[in-house]
Structures are given as structure tokens and as C-alpha cells.
Amino acid sequence: MSNRITDIINGHINEALGKEQDLSIKRLAICYECPISKLTSLGLICDNSKWISAKNEVSLEAKPGYTKGCGCRLQAKTRLPHNHCIINKW
């Protein structure tokens, strides 16, 4: 199994078991302020239909120096201590 799939599974397990709650709360506070985060019926996601620069500039298309949103459910991703934001906000 790939590391990405393992991370997704482990993030959701941590969420279901309430693990890494303090870490997740700190990280989610940052995510809620991010211009490419999107609240959905599944929770907060890093919107993979948008790109973001290190200066928080947003684009709807690929541009040099911009990174595409990862598409992750952030309530799960933020519970993985070894994981990080795509533009290193946490």
C-alpha cells in the first residue's frame, strides 16, 4: 500500500479514535484561515480546484510558483504528526 493511502487511512482512524486532537485543533485553526480551504458536507478540505502561492495569492489555474490544493479532508490530515501543509503553513 502506498504511503499516501496509508496516511489517509491512519488520519481517519486517528480522527475516529480522537487521537492527536490538540495537534489537529492548532493546525485546523490555520486551515480555516486559508483562502483555498473549503467547508463541505464532509468537513473542511484543501480545495484541489485552486492553486495558492506562498504569499496566499489564489488562482483558478496553474501558474509558476503556485501549488495546487491537495484535496485532503483536513480533519483527518491534521492528525498526522509527520504530515504537513502543501505550502508549509504547519
N, C-alpha and C. Protein backbone atom coordinates (compact mmCIF):
# COMPACT_ATOMS: atom_id res chain seq x y z
N MET A 1 0.85 -1.18 0.00
CA MET A 1 0.00 0.00 0.00
C MET A 1 0.89 1.24 0.00
N SER A 2 0.52 2.26 -0.79
CA SER A 2 1.33 3.46 -0.87
C SER A 2 1.26 4.25 0.43
N ASN A 3 2.26 5.10 0.63
CA ASN A 3 2.29 5.94 1.83
C ASN A 3 1.09 6.87 1.89
N ARG A 4 0.66 7.39 0.74
CA ARG A 4 -0.48 8.31 0.70
C ARG A 4 -1.75 7.60 1.17
N ILE A 5 -1.98 6.41 0.70
CA ILE A 5 -3.17 5.65 1.11
C ILE A 5 -3.09 5.30 2.59
N THR A 6 -1.91 4.89 3.04
CA THR A 6 -1.71 4.58 4.46
C THR A 6 -1.97 5.81 5.31
N ASP A 7 -1.48 7.00 4.87
CA ASP A 7 -1.72 8.24 5.61
C ASP A 7 -3.22 8.57 5.67
N ILE A 8 -3.91 8.40 4.57
CA ILE A 8 -5.35 8.68 4.55
C ILE A 8 -6.07 7.78 5.55
N ILE A 9 -5.76 6.52 5.52
CA ILE A 9 -6.39 5.57 6.45
C ILE A 9 -6.04 5.92 7.89
N ASN A 10 -4.77 6.15 8.17
CA ASN A 10 -4.34 6.47 9.54
C ASN A 10 -4.93 7.79 10.03
N GLY A 11 -5.04 8.78 9.16
CA GLY A 11 -5.65 10.04 9.55
C GLY A 11 -7.10 9.86 9.96
N HIS A 12 -7.82 9.06 9.20
CA HIS A 12 -9.23 8.82 9.53
C HIS A 12 -9.38 7.96 10.79
N ILE A 13 -8.49 7.02 10.98
CA ILE A 13 -8.50 6.23 12.22
C ILE A 13 -8.23 7.14 13.41
N ASN A 14 -7.21 8.00 13.30
CA ASN A 14 -6.90 8.94 14.38
C ASN A 14 -8.10 9.84 14.68
N GLU A 15 -8.78 10.27 13.62
CA GLU A 15 -9.95 11.12 13.81
C GLU A 15 -11.05 10.35 14.55
N ALA A 16 -11.33 9.13 14.11
CA ALA A 16 -12.39 8.32 14.73
C ALA A 16 -12.09 8.01 16.20
N LEU A 17 -10.80 7.82 16.51
CA LEU A 17 -10.40 7.48 17.87
C LEU A 17 -10.09 8.71 18.73
N GLY A 18 -10.18 9.90 18.13
CA GLY A 18 -9.90 11.14 18.87
C GLY A 18 -8.42 11.35 19.16
N LYS A 19 -7.55 10.71 18.39
CA LYS A 19 -6.11 10.85 18.61
C LYS A 19 -5.59 12.15 18.00
N GLU A 20 -4.52 12.67 18.58
CA GLU A 20 -3.85 13.89 18.10
C GLU A 20 -4.80 15.09 18.02
N GLN A 21 -5.73 15.15 18.96
CA GLN A 21 -6.74 16.21 19.00
C GLN A 21 -6.11 17.60 19.13
N ASP A 22 -5.16 17.78 20.05
CA ASP A 22 -4.55 19.09 20.25
C ASP A 22 -3.81 19.56 19.00
N LEU A 23 -3.09 18.65 18.38
CA LEU A 23 -2.36 18.97 17.15
C LEU A 23 -3.34 19.38 16.06
N SER A 24 -4.40 18.63 15.90
CA SER A 24 -5.39 18.92 14.88
C SER A 24 -6.04 20.28 15.10
N ILE A 25 -6.38 20.61 16.32
CA ILE A 25 -7.02 21.90 16.62
C ILE A 25 -6.11 23.05 16.21
N LYS A 26 -4.84 22.97 16.54
CA LYS A 26 -3.88 24.03 16.18
C LYS A 26 -3.77 24.17 14.67
N ARG A 27 -3.65 23.05 13.99
CA ARG A 27 -3.50 23.07 12.54
C ARG A 27 -4.78 23.53 11.85
N LEU A 28 -5.92 23.05 12.30
CA LEU A 28 -7.19 23.44 11.67
C LEU A 28 -7.45 24.94 11.81
N ALA A 29 -7.00 25.54 12.90
CA ALA A 29 -7.16 26.99 13.06
C ALA A 29 -6.47 27.72 11.90
N ILE A 30 -5.33 27.21 11.49
CA ILE A 30 -4.59 27.78 10.35
C ILE A 30 -5.35 27.50 9.05
N CYS A 31 -5.82 26.27 8.90
CA CYS A 31 -6.54 25.87 7.68
C CYS A 31 -7.81 26.70 7.47
N TYR A 32 -8.55 26.97 8.55
CA TYR A 32 -9.78 27.74 8.41
C TYR A 32 -9.52 29.13 7.86
N GLU A 33 -8.33 29.67 8.09
CA GLU A 33 -7.97 30.99 7.59
C GLU A 33 -7.42 30.96 6.16
N CYS A 34 -7.12 29.78 5.65
CA CYS A 34 -6.51 29.64 4.34
C CYS A 34 -7.53 29.91 3.23
N PRO A 35 -7.15 30.70 2.23
CA PRO A 35 -8.10 31.04 1.17
C PRO A 35 -8.46 29.88 0.24
N ILE A 36 -7.76 28.76 0.31
CA ILE A 36 -8.17 27.63 -0.54
C ILE A 36 -8.84 26.51 0.25
N SER A 37 -9.08 26.74 1.53
CA SER A 37 -9.85 25.73 2.27
C SER A 37 -11.33 25.92 1.93
N LYS A 38 -12.05 24.83 1.98
CA LYS A 38 -13.46 24.85 1.58
C LYS A 38 -14.24 23.95 2.52
N LEU A 39 -15.29 24.49 3.12
CA LEU A 39 -16.13 23.71 4.01
C LEU A 39 -17.16 22.96 3.16
N THR A 40 -17.17 21.64 3.30
CA THR A 40 -18.08 20.79 2.53
C THR A 40 -18.92 19.96 3.50
N SER A 41 -19.81 19.16 2.95
CA SER A 41 -20.62 18.28 3.80
C SER A 41 -19.76 17.21 4.48
N LEU A 42 -18.55 16.97 3.96
CA LEU A 42 -17.62 16.00 4.56
C LEU A 42 -16.64 16.67 5.51
N GLY A 43 -16.73 17.97 5.66
CA GLY A 43 -15.81 18.71 6.51
C GLY A 43 -14.95 19.64 5.69
N LEU A 44 -13.93 20.20 6.31
CA LEU A 44 -13.02 21.13 5.66
C LEU A 44 -12.06 20.38 4.75
N ILE A 45 -11.92 20.87 3.52
CA ILE A 45 -10.97 20.26 2.58
C ILE A 45 -10.01 21.33 2.06
N CYS A 46 -8.88 20.88 1.59
CA CYS A 46 -7.92 21.72 0.87
C CYS A 46 -8.33 21.62 -0.60
N ASP A 47 -8.95 22.66 -1.12
CA ASP A 47 -9.62 22.64 -2.42
C ASP A 47 -8.65 22.42 -3.57
N ASN A 48 -8.77 21.27 -4.21
CA ASN A 48 -7.85 20.95 -5.31
C ASN A 48 -8.30 21.52 -6.65
N SER A 49 -9.28 22.42 -6.64
CA SER A 49 -9.63 23.14 -7.86
C SER A 49 -8.96 24.51 -7.88
N LYS A 50 -8.15 24.80 -6.84
CA LYS A 50 -7.47 26.09 -6.72
C LYS A 50 -5.97 25.88 -6.53
N TRP A 51 -5.21 26.90 -6.84
CA TRP A 51 -3.76 26.93 -6.63
C TRP A 51 -3.46 28.10 -5.71
N ILE A 52 -2.39 27.97 -4.91
CA ILE A 52 -2.03 29.01 -3.94
C ILE A 52 -0.52 29.25 -3.98
N SER A 53 -0.15 30.51 -3.79
CA SER A 53 1.27 30.86 -3.72
C SER A 53 1.68 30.95 -2.26
N ALA A 54 2.96 31.05 -2.01
CA ALA A 54 3.48 31.19 -0.64
C ALA A 54 2.99 32.49 -0.01
N LYS A 55 2.54 33.44 -0.83
CA LYS A 55 2.03 34.73 -0.33
C LYS A 55 0.50 34.73 -0.18
N ASN A 56 -0.10 33.54 -0.23
CA ASN A 56 -1.56 33.37 -0.10
C ASN A 56 -2.34 33.93 -1.28
N GLU A 57 -1.70 34.11 -2.42
CA GLU A 57 -2.42 34.53 -3.62
C GLU A 57 -3.06 33.28 -4.22
N VAL A 58 -4.28 33.39 -4.68
CA VAL A 58 -5.04 32.24 -5.17
C VAL A 58 -5.27 32.38 -6.68
N SER A 59 -5.23 31.26 -7.35
CA SER A 59 -5.51 31.22 -8.78
C SER A 59 -6.42 30.02 -9.05
N LEU A 60 -7.24 30.15 -10.09
CA LEU A 60 -8.09 29.04 -10.52
C LEU A 60 -7.42 28.22 -11.61
N GLU A 61 -6.19 28.59 -11.95
CA GLU A 61 -5.43 27.84 -12.94
C GLU A 61 -3.97 27.76 -12.51
N ALA A 62 -3.28 26.80 -13.05
CA ALA A 62 -1.87 26.60 -12.71
C ALA A 62 -1.04 27.82 -13.13
N LYS A 63 -0.14 28.23 -12.25
CA LYS A 63 0.78 29.33 -12.52
C LYS A 63 2.12 28.98 -11.92
N PRO A 64 3.20 29.50 -12.48
CA PRO A 64 4.53 29.27 -11.87
C PRO A 64 4.56 29.78 -10.43
N GLY A 65 5.10 28.97 -9.54
CA GLY A 65 5.20 29.37 -8.13
C GLY A 65 3.95 29.09 -7.31
N TYR A 66 2.94 28.53 -7.91
CA TYR A 66 1.70 28.20 -7.21
C TYR A 66 1.62 26.69 -7.02
N THR A 67 0.98 26.28 -5.92
CA THR A 67 0.81 24.86 -5.61
C THR A 67 -0.67 24.55 -5.60
N LYS A 68 -1.02 23.43 -6.22
CA LYS A 68 -2.43 23.01 -6.27
C LYS A 68 -2.86 22.47 -4.91
N GLY A 69 -4.07 22.81 -4.49
CA GLY A 69 -4.63 22.25 -3.27
C GLY A 69 -4.58 20.73 -3.32
N CYS A 70 -4.37 20.10 -2.18
CA CYS A 70 -4.15 18.65 -2.15
C CYS A 70 -5.45 17.85 -2.20
N GLY A 71 -6.59 18.47 -1.86
CA GLY A 71 -7.86 17.76 -1.88
C GLY A 71 -8.15 16.96 -0.63
N CYS A 72 -7.28 17.02 0.35
CA CYS A 72 -7.45 16.21 1.58
C CYS A 72 -8.56 16.74 2.47
N ARG A 73 -9.20 15.81 3.18
CA ARG A 73 -10.09 16.16 4.29
C ARG A 73 -9.19 16.56 5.44
N LEU A 74 -9.26 17.79 5.84
CA LEU A 74 -8.28 18.32 6.78
C LEU A 74 -8.49 17.86 8.21
N GLN A 75 -9.70 17.46 8.59
CA GLN A 75 -9.91 16.93 9.93
C GLN A 75 -9.10 15.65 10.13
N ALA A 76 -8.82 14.93 9.06
CA ALA A 76 -8.01 13.71 9.15
C ALA A 76 -6.53 14.03 8.96
N LYS A 77 -6.19 14.81 7.92
CA LYS A 77 -4.79 15.10 7.61
C LYS A 77 -4.07 15.80 8.76
N THR A 78 -4.77 16.70 9.45
CA THR A 78 -4.13 17.47 10.52
C THR A 78 -3.79 16.62 11.74
N ARG A 79 -4.23 15.38 11.78
CA ARG A 79 -3.97 14.49 12.92
C ARG A 79 -2.74 13.61 12.71
N LEU A 80 -2.02 13.82 11.63
CA LEU A 80 -0.82 13.03 11.34
C LEU A 80 0.41 13.88 11.64
N PRO A 81 1.11 13.61 12.74
CA PRO A 81 2.24 14.46 13.14
C PRO A 81 3.31 14.64 12.05
N HIS A 82 3.53 13.62 11.23
CA HIS A 82 4.58 13.70 10.21
C HIS A 82 4.10 14.39 8.93
N ASN A 83 2.82 14.65 8.80
CA ASN A 83 2.28 15.26 7.61
C ASN A 83 2.42 16.77 7.68
N HIS A 84 2.26 17.47 6.55
CA HIS A 84 2.40 18.92 6.55
C HIS A 84 1.48 19.54 5.50
N CYS A 85 1.27 20.82 5.66
CA CYS A 85 0.51 21.63 4.71
C CYS A 85 1.29 21.70 3.39
N ILE A 86 0.57 21.75 2.28
CA ILE A 86 1.23 21.77 0.97
C ILE A 86 2.10 23.00 0.76
N ILE A 87 1.83 24.10 1.47
CA ILE A 87 2.70 25.27 1.37
C ILE A 87 3.35 25.60 2.72
N ASN A 88 3.46 24.56 3.52
CA ASN A 88 4.21 24.60 4.80
C ASN A 88 3.70 25.65 5.79
N LYS A 89 2.39 25.80 5.88
CA LYS A 89 1.81 26.66 6.91
C LYS A 89 1.87 25.98 8.27
N TRP A 90 1.94 24.66 8.27
CA TRP A 90 2.11 23.88 9.50
C TRP A 90 2.85 22.61 9.17
